[in-house]
Amino acid sequence: MWIVTRAVLIGLLFCSCGARYHLNRAIAKDPTILDSVVLKVDTLIITQKEEFRDTLILQKIDTLRIIKEGIRIDLRRLYDTIEVDVQCPSDTIRISKEIKVPQVVYREKNFDRKYLYILIISIILYTFGLIKLLK
């Protein structure tokens, strides 16, 4: 009797519903699950503030300020000293990308023959077991 029960359970195991059946049912309920999803990826790069100071020795008094592309340069000449003060403020760079990602990817399932061989051998063995049991 236990052989028959095992044979029935193995038969039910190989005859159950596949993933494609359940996917088709889900698509029938809500077809929007096949639509692609657009993901937005943001990358934020922040550079650090940099300062540079240097000194030259000359004579007389003078001040010069240069501001170009966000960089401020101060040149101060005090008698025999020149002070160079450079300030580069921090900068923010933002990179945005939109990527389309499909929600459902179909792959063809390749049939593996070893499962077929295992099924045939198990059916033959269970048949022999039933014949031996019934004799």
N, C-alpha and C. Protein backbone atom coordinates (compact mmCIF):
# COMPACT_ATOMS: atom_id res chain seq x y z
N MET A 1 0.82 -1.20 0.00
CA MET A 1 0.00 0.00 0.00
C MET A 1 0.86 1.27 0.00
N TRP A 2 1.97 1.23 0.74
CA TRP A 2 2.82 2.41 0.80
C TRP A 2 3.45 2.71 -0.55
N ILE A 3 3.62 1.69 -1.39
CA ILE A 3 4.20 1.92 -2.72
C ILE A 3 3.21 2.69 -3.58
N VAL A 4 1.94 2.34 -3.47
CA VAL A 4 0.92 3.04 -4.24
C VAL A 4 0.83 4.50 -3.79
N THR A 5 0.92 4.73 -2.50
CA THR A 5 0.86 6.09 -1.96
C THR A 5 2.04 6.92 -2.47
N ARG A 6 3.21 6.33 -2.44
CA ARG A 6 4.39 7.05 -2.96
C ARG A 6 4.26 7.33 -4.45
N ALA A 7 3.76 6.36 -5.20
CA ALA A 7 3.59 6.55 -6.65
C ALA A 7 2.62 7.68 -6.94
N VAL A 8 1.54 7.75 -6.16
CA VAL A 8 0.55 8.82 -6.36
C VAL A 8 1.16 10.17 -5.98
N LEU A 9 1.90 10.23 -4.88
CA LEU A 9 2.52 11.49 -4.48
C LEU A 9 3.55 11.97 -5.49
N ILE A 10 4.34 11.07 -6.02
CA ILE A 10 5.34 11.48 -7.04
C ILE A 10 4.63 11.93 -8.31
N GLY A 11 3.55 11.23 -8.67
CA GLY A 11 2.77 11.65 -9.85
C GLY A 11 2.19 13.04 -9.68
N LEU A 12 1.67 13.33 -8.49
CA LEU A 12 1.13 14.67 -8.21
C LEU A 12 2.23 15.73 -8.22
N LEU A 13 3.42 15.35 -7.76
CA LEU A 13 4.53 16.29 -7.75
C LEU A 13 4.92 16.72 -9.16
N PHE A 14 4.91 15.78 -10.10
CA PHE A 14 5.30 16.11 -11.47
C PHE A 14 4.17 16.76 -12.26
N CYS A 15 2.93 16.68 -11.78
CA CYS A 15 1.78 17.23 -12.51
C CYS A 15 1.28 18.54 -11.91
N SER A 16 2.00 19.15 -10.97
CA SER A 16 1.51 20.37 -10.33
C SER A 16 1.62 21.57 -11.27
N CYS A 17 1.01 22.67 -10.86
CA CYS A 17 1.00 23.89 -11.68
C CYS A 17 2.40 24.50 -11.72
N GLY A 18 2.74 25.02 -12.88
CA GLY A 18 4.05 25.64 -13.04
C GLY A 18 4.01 27.13 -12.76
N ALA A 19 5.17 27.75 -12.83
CA ALA A 19 5.28 29.19 -12.56
C ALA A 19 4.57 30.01 -13.65
N ARG A 20 4.62 29.53 -14.89
CA ARG A 20 3.98 30.26 -15.98
C ARG A 20 2.46 30.35 -15.76
N TYR A 21 1.86 29.30 -15.26
CA TYR A 21 0.42 29.32 -14.98
C TYR A 21 0.09 30.41 -13.97
N HIS A 22 0.85 30.47 -12.88
CA HIS A 22 0.59 31.48 -11.86
C HIS A 22 0.89 32.89 -12.37
N LEU A 23 1.92 33.03 -13.20
CA LEU A 23 2.23 34.34 -13.78
C LEU A 23 1.11 34.80 -14.71
N ASN A 24 0.58 33.90 -15.52
CA ASN A 24 -0.53 34.26 -16.41
C ASN A 24 -1.77 34.66 -15.61
N ARG A 25 -2.02 34.01 -14.50
CA ARG A 25 -3.15 34.39 -13.65
C ARG A 25 -2.94 35.78 -13.06
N ALA A 26 -1.70 36.08 -12.63
CA ALA A 26 -1.40 37.40 -12.07
C ALA A 26 -1.53 38.49 -13.13
N ILE A 27 -1.10 38.19 -14.35
CA ILE A 27 -1.22 39.17 -15.46
C ILE A 27 -2.69 39.41 -15.78
N ALA A 28 -3.50 38.36 -15.72
CA ALA A 28 -4.93 38.52 -15.98
C ALA A 28 -5.59 39.42 -14.94
N LYS A 29 -5.13 39.34 -13.70
CA LYS A 29 -5.69 40.18 -12.64
C LYS A 29 -5.23 41.63 -12.74
N ASP A 30 -3.94 41.83 -13.05
CA ASP A 30 -3.37 43.18 -13.11
C ASP A 30 -2.35 43.26 -14.24
N PRO A 31 -2.76 43.71 -15.44
CA PRO A 31 -1.83 43.75 -16.58
C PRO A 31 -0.71 44.78 -16.43
N THR A 32 -0.81 45.68 -15.46
CA THR A 32 0.23 46.71 -15.32
C THR A 32 1.53 46.15 -14.74
N ILE A 33 1.54 44.90 -14.28
CA ILE A 33 2.77 44.35 -13.73
C ILE A 33 3.81 44.09 -14.82
N LEU A 34 3.38 44.11 -16.08
CA LEU A 34 4.33 43.91 -17.18
C LEU A 34 5.02 45.20 -17.60
N ASP A 35 4.51 46.36 -17.14
CA ASP A 35 5.11 47.64 -17.50
C ASP A 35 6.49 47.77 -16.89
N SER A 36 7.36 48.47 -17.61
CA SER A 36 8.71 48.70 -17.10
C SER A 36 8.69 49.76 -16.01
N VAL A 37 9.59 49.64 -15.09
CA VAL A 37 9.71 50.59 -14.00
C VAL A 37 10.92 51.48 -14.30
N VAL A 38 10.76 52.78 -14.13
CA VAL A 38 11.85 53.72 -14.36
C VAL A 38 12.47 54.07 -13.02
N LEU A 39 13.73 53.73 -12.86
CA LEU A 39 14.44 54.06 -11.63
C LEU A 39 15.31 55.26 -11.89
N LYS A 40 15.36 56.20 -10.95
CA LYS A 40 16.20 57.37 -11.06
C LYS A 40 17.35 57.22 -10.08
N VAL A 41 18.55 57.25 -10.62
CA VAL A 41 19.75 57.08 -9.81
C VAL A 41 20.45 58.43 -9.72
N ASP A 42 20.61 58.94 -8.50
CA ASP A 42 21.29 60.22 -8.28
C ASP A 42 22.65 59.97 -7.64
N THR A 43 23.64 60.66 -8.16
CA THR A 43 24.98 60.62 -7.58
C THR A 43 25.35 62.05 -7.20
N LEU A 44 25.76 62.25 -5.98
CA LEU A 44 26.09 63.58 -5.49
C LEU A 44 27.56 63.60 -5.09
N ILE A 45 28.32 64.48 -5.73
CA ILE A 45 29.75 64.61 -5.45
C ILE A 45 29.98 66.02 -4.88
N ILE A 46 30.54 66.09 -3.70
CA ILE A 46 30.82 67.38 -3.07
C ILE A 46 32.33 67.49 -2.89
N THR A 47 32.91 68.51 -3.49
CA THR A 47 34.35 68.73 -3.34
C THR A 47 34.60 69.56 -2.09
N GLN A 48 35.75 69.40 -1.50
CA GLN A 48 36.10 70.11 -0.28
C GLN A 48 36.63 71.51 -0.60
N LYS A 49 36.43 72.41 0.33
CA LYS A 49 36.95 73.76 0.20
C LYS A 49 38.47 73.72 0.35
N GLU A 50 39.16 74.45 -0.52
CA GLU A 50 40.62 74.47 -0.47
C GLU A 50 41.11 75.91 -0.32
N GLU A 51 42.15 76.08 0.46
CA GLU A 51 42.77 77.39 0.63
C GLU A 51 44.27 77.25 0.42
N PHE A 52 44.85 78.31 -0.13
CA PHE A 52 46.29 78.31 -0.39
C PHE A 52 46.84 79.67 0.02
N ARG A 53 47.90 79.69 0.78
CA ARG A 53 48.52 80.95 1.21
C ARG A 53 50.01 80.90 0.88
N ASP A 54 50.53 82.04 0.43
CA ASP A 54 51.95 82.13 0.09
C ASP A 54 52.42 83.55 0.42
N THR A 55 53.70 83.73 0.59
CA THR A 55 54.26 85.04 0.96
C THR A 55 55.49 85.34 0.11
N LEU A 56 55.52 86.59 -0.46
CA LEU A 56 56.69 87.11 -1.18
C LEU A 56 57.12 88.40 -0.49
N ILE A 57 58.38 88.70 -0.55
CA ILE A 57 58.89 89.89 0.13
C ILE A 57 59.24 90.95 -0.91
N LEU A 58 58.56 92.14 -0.87
CA LEU A 58 58.82 93.30 -1.72
C LEU A 58 58.63 94.56 -0.87
N GLN A 59 58.46 95.72 -1.50
CA GLN A 59 58.22 96.95 -0.75
C GLN A 59 57.04 97.70 -1.37
N LYS A 60 56.41 98.57 -0.63
CA LYS A 60 55.25 99.39 -0.95
C LYS A 60 53.95 98.70 -0.50
N ILE A 61 52.83 99.42 -0.60
CA ILE A 61 51.53 98.91 -0.13
C ILE A 61 50.58 98.86 -1.32
N ASP A 62 49.87 97.69 -1.50
CA ASP A 62 48.90 97.56 -2.59
C ASP A 62 48.01 96.34 -2.29
N THR A 63 46.76 96.38 -2.78
CA THR A 63 45.84 95.25 -2.61
C THR A 63 45.17 94.96 -3.94
N LEU A 64 45.09 93.67 -4.29
CA LEU A 64 44.46 93.25 -5.54
C LEU A 64 43.56 92.06 -5.24
N ARG A 65 42.29 92.13 -5.70
CA ARG A 65 41.36 91.02 -5.51
C ARG A 65 40.86 90.55 -6.87
N ILE A 66 41.00 89.25 -7.14
CA ILE A 66 40.54 88.65 -8.40
C ILE A 66 39.51 87.57 -8.05
N ILE A 67 38.34 87.67 -8.67
CA ILE A 67 37.29 86.66 -8.47
C ILE A 67 36.94 86.11 -9.85
N LYS A 68 37.18 84.82 -10.04
CA LYS A 68 36.91 84.21 -11.34
C LYS A 68 36.41 82.78 -11.12
N GLU A 69 35.23 82.45 -11.67
CA GLU A 69 34.63 81.12 -11.60
C GLU A 69 34.53 80.61 -10.16
N GLY A 70 34.16 81.49 -9.24
CA GLY A 70 33.97 81.08 -7.86
C GLY A 70 35.25 81.03 -7.04
N ILE A 71 36.39 81.29 -7.65
CA ILE A 71 37.67 81.26 -6.93
C ILE A 71 38.06 82.70 -6.62
N ARG A 72 38.36 82.97 -5.35
CA ARG A 72 38.71 84.32 -4.94
C ARG A 72 40.20 84.37 -4.60
N ILE A 73 40.91 85.29 -5.24
CA ILE A 73 42.35 85.46 -5.01
C ILE A 73 42.57 86.88 -4.47
N ASP A 74 43.18 87.00 -3.29
CA ASP A 74 43.52 88.29 -2.69
C ASP A 74 45.05 88.42 -2.68
N LEU A 75 45.55 89.49 -3.30
CA LEU A 75 46.98 89.80 -3.26
C LEU A 75 47.14 91.09 -2.47
N ARG A 76 47.85 91.03 -1.35
CA ARG A 76 48.09 92.21 -0.53
C ARG A 76 49.58 92.43 -0.43
N ARG A 77 49.99 93.63 -0.78
CA ARG A 77 51.40 94.00 -0.66
C ARG A 77 51.54 95.03 0.45
N LEU A 78 52.17 94.63 1.53
CA LEU A 78 52.39 95.52 2.67
C LEU A 78 53.90 95.70 2.82
N TYR A 79 54.39 96.83 2.32
CA TYR A 79 55.82 97.17 2.35
C TYR A 79 56.66 96.07 1.68
N ASP A 80 57.30 95.25 2.46
CA ASP A 80 58.18 94.25 1.87
C ASP A 80 57.56 92.85 1.85
N THR A 81 56.25 92.72 2.07
CA THR A 81 55.59 91.41 2.14
C THR A 81 54.41 91.36 1.18
N ILE A 82 54.27 90.28 0.45
CA ILE A 82 53.09 90.04 -0.39
C ILE A 82 52.38 88.81 0.17
N GLU A 83 51.12 89.01 0.50
CA GLU A 83 50.31 87.89 0.97
C GLU A 83 49.39 87.46 -0.16
N VAL A 84 49.41 86.18 -0.46
CA VAL A 84 48.52 85.61 -1.47
C VAL A 84 47.52 84.72 -0.74
N ASP A 85 46.25 85.05 -0.88
CA ASP A 85 45.19 84.30 -0.23
C ASP A 85 44.23 83.81 -1.31
N VAL A 86 44.15 82.50 -1.48
CA VAL A 86 43.29 81.90 -2.51
C VAL A 86 42.25 81.04 -1.80
N GLN A 87 40.97 81.28 -2.14
CA GLN A 87 39.89 80.48 -1.58
C GLN A 87 39.09 79.86 -2.72
N CYS A 88 38.97 78.55 -2.66
CA CYS A 88 38.17 77.81 -3.63
C CYS A 88 37.01 77.19 -2.87
N PRO A 89 35.78 77.73 -3.01
CA PRO A 89 34.65 77.20 -2.24
C PRO A 89 34.30 75.78 -2.69
N SER A 90 33.63 75.07 -1.79
CA SER A 90 33.23 73.70 -2.14
C SER A 90 32.21 73.74 -3.27
N ASP A 91 32.19 72.67 -4.03
CA ASP A 91 31.35 72.61 -5.21
C ASP A 91 30.49 71.35 -5.14
N THR A 92 29.33 71.39 -5.74
CA THR A 92 28.43 70.24 -5.76
C THR A 92 28.19 69.84 -7.21
N ILE A 93 28.40 68.58 -7.49
CA ILE A 93 28.16 68.04 -8.82
C ILE A 93 27.07 66.99 -8.69
N ARG A 94 26.01 67.11 -9.47
CA ARG A 94 24.91 66.15 -9.41
C ARG A 94 24.80 65.45 -10.76
N ILE A 95 24.78 64.12 -10.71
CA ILE A 95 24.65 63.29 -11.91
C ILE A 95 23.36 62.49 -11.76
N SER A 96 22.44 62.62 -12.72
CA SER A 96 21.18 61.88 -12.67
C SER A 96 21.06 60.99 -13.89
N LYS A 97 20.64 59.76 -13.66
CA LYS A 97 20.40 58.81 -14.75
C LYS A 97 19.04 58.17 -14.52
N GLU A 98 18.33 57.92 -15.61
CA GLU A 98 17.08 57.19 -15.53
C GLU A 98 17.28 55.85 -16.22
N ILE A 99 16.98 54.79 -15.51
CA ILE A 99 17.20 53.44 -16.02
C ILE A 99 15.85 52.73 -16.07
N LYS A 100 15.52 52.14 -17.23
CA LYS A 100 14.28 51.36 -17.37
C LYS A 100 14.59 49.92 -16.98
N VAL A 101 13.82 49.42 -16.04
CA VAL A 101 14.01 48.05 -15.56
C VAL A 101 12.72 47.28 -15.83
N PRO A 102 12.77 46.21 -16.62
CA PRO A 102 11.55 45.42 -16.83
C PRO A 102 11.20 44.64 -15.57
N GLN A 103 9.90 44.57 -15.28
CA GLN A 103 9.48 43.88 -14.07
C GLN A 103 9.45 42.37 -14.25
N VAL A 104 9.06 41.91 -15.43
CA VAL A 104 8.96 40.47 -15.68
C VAL A 104 9.90 40.12 -16.82
N VAL A 105 10.74 39.14 -16.59
CA VAL A 105 11.67 38.68 -17.62
C VAL A 105 11.31 37.24 -17.93
N TYR A 106 10.97 37.00 -19.21
CA TYR A 106 10.64 35.64 -19.64
C TYR A 106 11.90 34.93 -20.07
N ARG A 107 12.06 33.71 -19.57
CA ARG A 107 13.16 32.86 -20.02
C ARG A 107 12.57 31.53 -20.43
N GLU A 108 13.01 31.04 -21.55
CA GLU A 108 12.56 29.73 -21.98
C GLU A 108 13.18 28.67 -21.08
N LYS A 109 12.35 27.73 -20.67
CA LYS A 109 12.82 26.67 -19.79
C LYS A 109 13.28 25.50 -20.65
N ASN A 110 14.51 25.11 -20.45
CA ASN A 110 15.04 23.96 -21.17
C ASN A 110 14.65 22.69 -20.42
N PHE A 111 14.17 21.72 -21.17
CA PHE A 111 13.76 20.46 -20.57
C PHE A 111 15.00 19.60 -20.34
N ASP A 112 15.17 19.16 -19.11
CA ASP A 112 16.32 18.33 -18.77
C ASP A 112 15.90 16.87 -18.84
N ARG A 113 16.57 16.10 -19.65
CA ARG A 113 16.20 14.70 -19.88
C ARG A 113 16.45 13.81 -18.66
N LYS A 114 17.33 14.22 -17.76
CA LYS A 114 17.61 13.35 -16.62
C LYS A 114 16.37 13.19 -15.74
N TYR A 115 15.50 14.19 -15.66
CA TYR A 115 14.28 14.05 -14.89
C TYR A 115 13.32 13.06 -15.56
N LEU A 116 13.31 13.06 -16.87
CA LEU A 116 12.49 12.08 -17.59
C LEU A 116 12.98 10.67 -17.32
N TYR A 117 14.29 10.48 -17.34
CA TYR A 117 14.87 9.16 -17.06
C TYR A 117 14.56 8.73 -15.62
N ILE A 118 14.68 9.64 -14.69
CA ILE A 118 14.37 9.32 -13.29
C ILE A 118 12.90 8.94 -13.15
N LEU A 119 12.01 9.63 -13.83
CA LEU A 119 10.58 9.33 -13.78
C LEU A 119 10.30 7.94 -14.35
N ILE A 120 10.88 7.62 -15.48
CA ILE A 120 10.65 6.31 -16.11
C ILE A 120 11.18 5.19 -15.22
N ILE A 121 12.39 5.37 -14.67
CA ILE A 121 12.97 4.35 -13.81
C ILE A 121 12.12 4.17 -12.54
N SER A 122 11.65 5.28 -11.96
CA SER A 122 10.83 5.16 -10.74
C SER A 122 9.50 4.49 -11.05
N ILE A 123 8.89 4.76 -12.19
CA ILE A 123 7.64 4.09 -12.56
C ILE A 123 7.87 2.59 -12.74
N ILE A 124 8.97 2.22 -13.39
CA ILE A 124 9.29 0.80 -13.58
C ILE A 124 9.51 0.12 -12.23
N LEU A 125 10.29 0.77 -11.35
CA LEU A 125 10.54 0.17 -10.04
C LEU A 125 9.26 0.03 -9.21
N TYR A 126 8.40 1.03 -9.24
CA TYR A 126 7.15 0.94 -8.50
C TYR A 126 6.23 -0.13 -9.11
N THR A 127 6.27 -0.25 -10.41
CA THR A 127 5.47 -1.31 -11.06
C THR A 127 5.95 -2.68 -10.61
N PHE A 128 7.27 -2.90 -10.61
CA PHE A 128 7.81 -4.16 -10.12
C PHE A 128 7.46 -4.38 -8.65
N GLY A 129 7.51 -3.34 -7.86
CA GLY A 129 7.14 -3.45 -6.45
C GLY A 129 5.69 -3.82 -6.27
N LEU A 130 4.79 -3.23 -7.09
CA LEU A 130 3.37 -3.58 -7.02
C LEU A 130 3.12 -5.02 -7.44
N ILE A 131 3.81 -5.45 -8.49
CA ILE A 131 3.65 -6.86 -8.96
C ILE A 131 4.12 -7.82 -7.87
N LYS A 132 5.26 -7.52 -7.24
CA LYS A 132 5.78 -8.38 -6.17
C LYS A 132 4.84 -8.38 -4.96
N LEU A 133 4.25 -7.23 -4.67
CA LEU A 133 3.34 -7.12 -3.53
C LEU A 133 2.04 -7.88 -3.77
N LEU A 134 1.56 -7.85 -4.99
CA LEU A 134 0.29 -8.49 -5.30
C LEU A 134 0.42 -10.02 -5.45
N LYS A 135 1.61 -10.57 -5.68
CA LYS A 135 1.79 -12.01 -5.85
C LYS A 135 1.69 -12.75 -4.60
